[in-house]
Amino acid sequence: MSAFTGALPDERGRFRRERLNAGLSTPGWSAHIFHLGPHAVGLAVLRGLDTEEHILSSFFVA
C-alpha cells in the first residue's frame, strides 16, 4: 500500500499499528491471518462487525 498512500515505516521498520491493535481488542473489529498450507500469506482487519455495514479496514497480501 505504500506505493499508493506514501506511508513509510518508522525507524524500526514498522508501519502504524492502530488498526491492527483495534482489530485485536476493540468490539466490532476483528483481525484475520490467511494461510496457504503452513505459510501465512495475508492479513485483514475488519471493522463495523456490530453494524449493518462491514468495512475491510486494512489488508496485506504477501
C-alpha atoms as a PDB file:
ATOM      1  CA  MET A   1       0.000   0.000   0.000  1.00  0.00           C
ATOM      2  CA  SER A   2       2.939   2.359   0.437  1.00  0.00           C
ATOM      3  CA  ALA A   3       3.048   2.883  -3.323  1.00  0.00           C
ATOM      4  CA  PHE A   4      -0.485   4.285  -3.138  1.00  0.00           C
ATOM      5  CA  THR A   5      -0.528   6.077   0.213  1.00  0.00           C
ATOM      6  CA  GLY A   6       3.076   7.221   0.504  1.00  0.00           C
ATOM      7  CA  ALA A   7       3.269   5.717   4.011  1.00  0.00           C
ATOM      8  CA  LEU A   8       6.766   4.809   5.125  1.00  0.00           C
ATOM      9  CA  PRO A   9       7.897   2.614   8.013  1.00  0.00           C
ATOM     10  CA  ASP A  10       9.294   4.166  11.162  1.00  0.00           C
ATOM     11  CA  GLU A  11      12.915   3.923  12.280  1.00  0.00           C
ATOM     12  CA  ARG A  12      12.260   0.330  13.476  1.00  0.00           C
ATOM     13  CA  GLY A  13      10.882  -0.753  10.095  1.00  0.00           C
ATOM     14  CA  ARG A  14       7.294  -0.826  11.324  1.00  0.00           C
ATOM     15  CA  PHE A  15       4.150   0.733   9.939  1.00  0.00           C
ATOM     16  CA  ARG A  16       1.347   2.259  12.006  1.00  0.00           C
ATOM     17  CA  ARG A  17      -0.400  -0.255  14.288  1.00  0.00           C
ATOM     18  CA  GLU A  18      -3.640   1.495  15.279  1.00  0.00           C
ATOM     19  CA  ARG A  19      -5.886  -0.621  13.058  1.00  0.00           C
ATOM     20  CA  LEU A  20      -4.211  -3.892  13.990  1.00  0.00           C
ATOM     21  CA  ASN A  21      -4.462  -3.048  17.689  1.00  0.00           C
ATOM     22  CA  ALA A  22      -8.145  -2.203  17.245  1.00  0.00           C
ATOM     23  CA  GLY A  23      -8.713  -5.460  15.352  1.00  0.00           C
ATOM     24  CA  LEU A  24      -7.284  -7.399  18.258  1.00  0.00           C
ATOM     25  CA  SER A  25      -9.025  -5.600  21.118  1.00  0.00           C
ATOM     26  CA  THR A  26     -11.948  -3.374  20.075  1.00  0.00           C
ATOM     27  CA  PRO A  27     -15.548  -4.649  19.972  1.00  0.00           C
ATOM     28  CA  GLY A  28     -16.894  -4.665  16.408  1.00  0.00           C
ATOM     29  CA  TRP A  29     -13.403  -5.132  14.949  1.00  0.00           C
ATOM     30  CA  SER A  30     -11.509  -8.333  14.056  1.00  0.00           C
ATOM     31  CA  ALA A  31      -8.145  -9.305  12.632  1.00  0.00           C
ATOM     32  CA  HIS A  32      -7.567 -12.395  10.466  1.00  0.00           C
ATOM     33  CA  ILE A  33      -4.430 -14.126   9.212  1.00  0.00           C
ATOM     34  CA  PHE A  34      -4.791 -16.127   5.999  1.00  0.00           C
ATOM     35  CA  HIS A  35      -2.728 -19.261   5.370  1.00  0.00           C
ATOM     36  CA  LEU A  36      -1.834 -21.288   2.317  1.00  0.00           C
ATOM     37  CA  GLY A  37      -0.770 -24.591   3.800  1.00  0.00           C
ATOM     38  CA  PRO A  38       1.643 -23.823   6.648  1.00  0.00           C
ATOM     39  CA  HIS A  39       2.506 -20.341   5.335  1.00  0.00           C
ATOM     40  CA  ALA A  40       0.893 -17.052   6.333  1.00  0.00           C
ATOM     41  CA  VAL A  41       0.008 -15.251   3.091  1.00  0.00           C
ATOM     42  CA  GLY A  42      -2.193 -12.357   4.163  1.00  0.00           C
ATOM     43  CA  LEU A  43      -3.752 -10.265   6.891  1.00  0.00           C
ATOM     44  CA  ALA A  44      -7.078  -8.435   7.004  1.00  0.00           C
ATOM     45  CA  VAL A  45      -8.561  -6.110   9.619  1.00  0.00           C
ATOM     46  CA  LEU A  46     -12.336  -5.684   9.563  1.00  0.00           C
ATOM     47  CA  ARG A  47     -14.479  -3.151  11.383  1.00  0.00           C
ATOM     48  CA  GLY A  48     -18.154  -2.401  11.711  1.00  0.00           C
ATOM     49  CA  LEU A  49     -18.925  -6.016  12.541  1.00  0.00           C
ATOM     50  CA  ASP A  50     -21.515  -4.817  15.045  1.00  0.00           C
ATOM     51  CA  THR A  51     -23.299  -2.687  12.414  1.00  0.00           C
ATOM     52  CA  GLU A  52     -25.180  -3.397   9.215  1.00  0.00           C
ATOM     53  CA  GLU A  53     -22.252  -2.283   7.035  1.00  0.00           C
ATOM     54  CA  HIS A  54     -18.943  -4.158   7.490  1.00  0.00           C
ATOM     55  CA  ILE A  55     -15.714  -2.493   6.346  1.00  0.00           C
ATOM     56  CA  LEU A  56     -12.422  -4.015   5.248  1.00  0.00           C
ATOM     57  CA  SER A  57     -10.240  -1.559   7.123  1.00  0.00           C
ATOM     58  CA  SER A  58      -6.789  -2.876   6.168  1.00  0.00           C
ATOM     59  CA  PHE A  59      -5.274  -5.763   4.262  1.00  0.00           C
ATOM     60  CA  PHE A  60      -1.921  -7.145   3.285  1.00  0.00           C
ATOM     61  CA  VAL A  61      -1.064  -9.954   0.885  1.00  0.00           C
ATOM     62  CA  ALA A  62       2.414 -11.471   0.831  1.00  0.00           C
END
